[in-house]
Amino acid sequence: MTFFLPTQVVAITGQKLGFQASLVTAIPWIFGLASVAFSPALADRTRQHRIIGCGLLLVTALFKKTNEIEAGHLDKVDARGALDN
């Protein structure tokens, strides 16, 4: 399933496609960049690689599920892992 993220943001938020939709679209990229930039150094400094890695995966999964619930887009996953509408 391929889609243009700003178009999906506009559909969810009810805004017009423009600068504000682009800013909302940039939020996940900013957090992703921050986690890639700071997490490895934190893991090396504290020697807690597994805990930090699992924490990042857990936070990502929780945000993804929360966004699906809020948007009303709960898709079913079949046995092969393909998305059904």
Protein backbone atom coordinates (compact mmCIF):
# COMPACT_ATOMS: atom_id res chain seq x y z
CA MET A 1 0.00 0.00 0.00
CA THR A 2 1.64 3.19 -1.18
CA PHE A 3 0.32 6.64 -0.43
CA PHE A 4 1.48 10.25 -0.31
CA LEU A 5 1.72 11.15 3.39
CA PRO A 6 0.65 14.82 3.15
CA THR A 7 -2.52 13.73 1.36
CA GLN A 8 -3.28 11.30 4.19
CA VAL A 9 -2.60 14.01 6.81
CA VAL A 10 -5.01 16.35 5.01
CA ALA A 11 -7.68 13.64 4.97
CA ILE A 12 -7.27 12.96 8.70
CA THR A 13 -6.97 16.56 9.92
CA GLY A 14 -9.41 18.18 7.47
CA GLN A 15 -6.91 20.88 6.46
CA LYS A 16 -6.03 22.01 2.97
CA LEU A 17 -2.88 20.65 1.37
CA GLY A 18 -0.20 23.23 2.09
CA PHE A 19 2.49 24.33 4.49
CA GLN A 20 0.66 23.31 7.69
CA ALA A 21 0.07 19.80 6.37
CA SER A 22 3.76 19.60 5.51
CA LEU A 23 4.69 20.59 9.07
CA VAL A 24 2.44 17.88 10.50
CA THR A 25 3.97 15.39 8.07
CA ALA A 26 7.47 16.37 9.25
CA ILE A 27 6.82 15.42 12.91
CA PRO A 28 7.56 11.68 12.56
CA TRP A 29 10.67 12.45 10.52
CA ILE A 30 11.96 14.81 13.21
CA PHE A 31 11.50 12.21 15.93
CA GLY A 32 13.07 9.55 13.73
CA LEU A 33 16.09 11.74 13.06
CA ALA A 34 16.45 12.54 16.76
CA SER A 35 16.26 8.89 17.76
CA VAL A 36 18.85 7.90 15.15
CA ALA A 37 21.14 10.74 16.22
CA PHE A 38 20.95 10.35 20.01
CA SER A 39 20.01 6.75 20.80
CA PRO A 40 23.28 5.06 19.77
CA ALA A 41 25.35 7.45 21.85
CA LEU A 42 23.05 6.97 24.84
CA ALA A 43 23.16 3.19 24.44
CA ASP A 44 26.97 3.21 24.26
CA ARG A 45 27.31 5.53 27.24
CA THR A 46 24.93 3.57 29.48
CA ARG A 47 25.73 0.08 28.06
CA GLN A 48 21.98 -0.63 27.85
CA HIS A 49 21.69 -1.40 24.13
CA ARG A 50 18.83 -3.90 24.40
CA ILE A 51 16.73 -1.82 26.77
CA ILE A 52 17.08 1.35 24.68
CA GLY A 53 16.44 -0.52 21.41
CA CYS A 54 13.37 -2.28 22.81
CA GLY A 55 12.12 0.99 24.28
CA LEU A 56 12.35 2.73 20.92
CA LEU A 57 10.51 -0.12 19.21
CA LEU A 58 7.81 -0.11 21.89
CA VAL A 59 7.29 3.66 21.64
CA THR A 60 7.08 3.38 17.84
CA ALA A 61 4.50 0.59 18.03
CA LEU A 62 2.40 2.47 20.60
CA PHE A 63 2.35 5.67 18.53
CA LYS A 64 1.47 3.72 15.40
CA LYS A 65 -1.43 1.93 17.08
CA THR A 66 -2.63 5.16 18.74
CA ASN A 67 -2.65 6.95 15.38
CA GLU A 68 -4.57 4.11 13.75
CA ILE A 69 -7.20 4.17 16.50
CA GLU A 70 -7.59 7.96 16.35
CA ALA A 71 -7.83 7.95 12.56
CA GLY A 72 -10.30 5.07 12.57
CA HIS A 73 -8.10 3.08 10.21
CA LEU A 74 -7.87 -0.22 12.03
CA ASP A 75 -6.81 -2.61 9.29
CA LYS A 76 -6.98 -6.35 9.70
CA VAL A 77 -3.86 -8.38 9.05
CA ASP A 78 -4.28 -11.83 7.55
CA ALA A 79 -2.07 -14.87 8.18
CA ARG A 80 0.46 -13.82 5.52
CA GLY A 81 0.80 -10.33 6.98
CA ALA A 82 -0.86 -8.60 4.02
CA LEU A 83 -3.18 -5.73 4.83
CA ASP A 84 -6.88 -6.08 4.18
CA ASN A 85 -9.30 -3.17 4.18
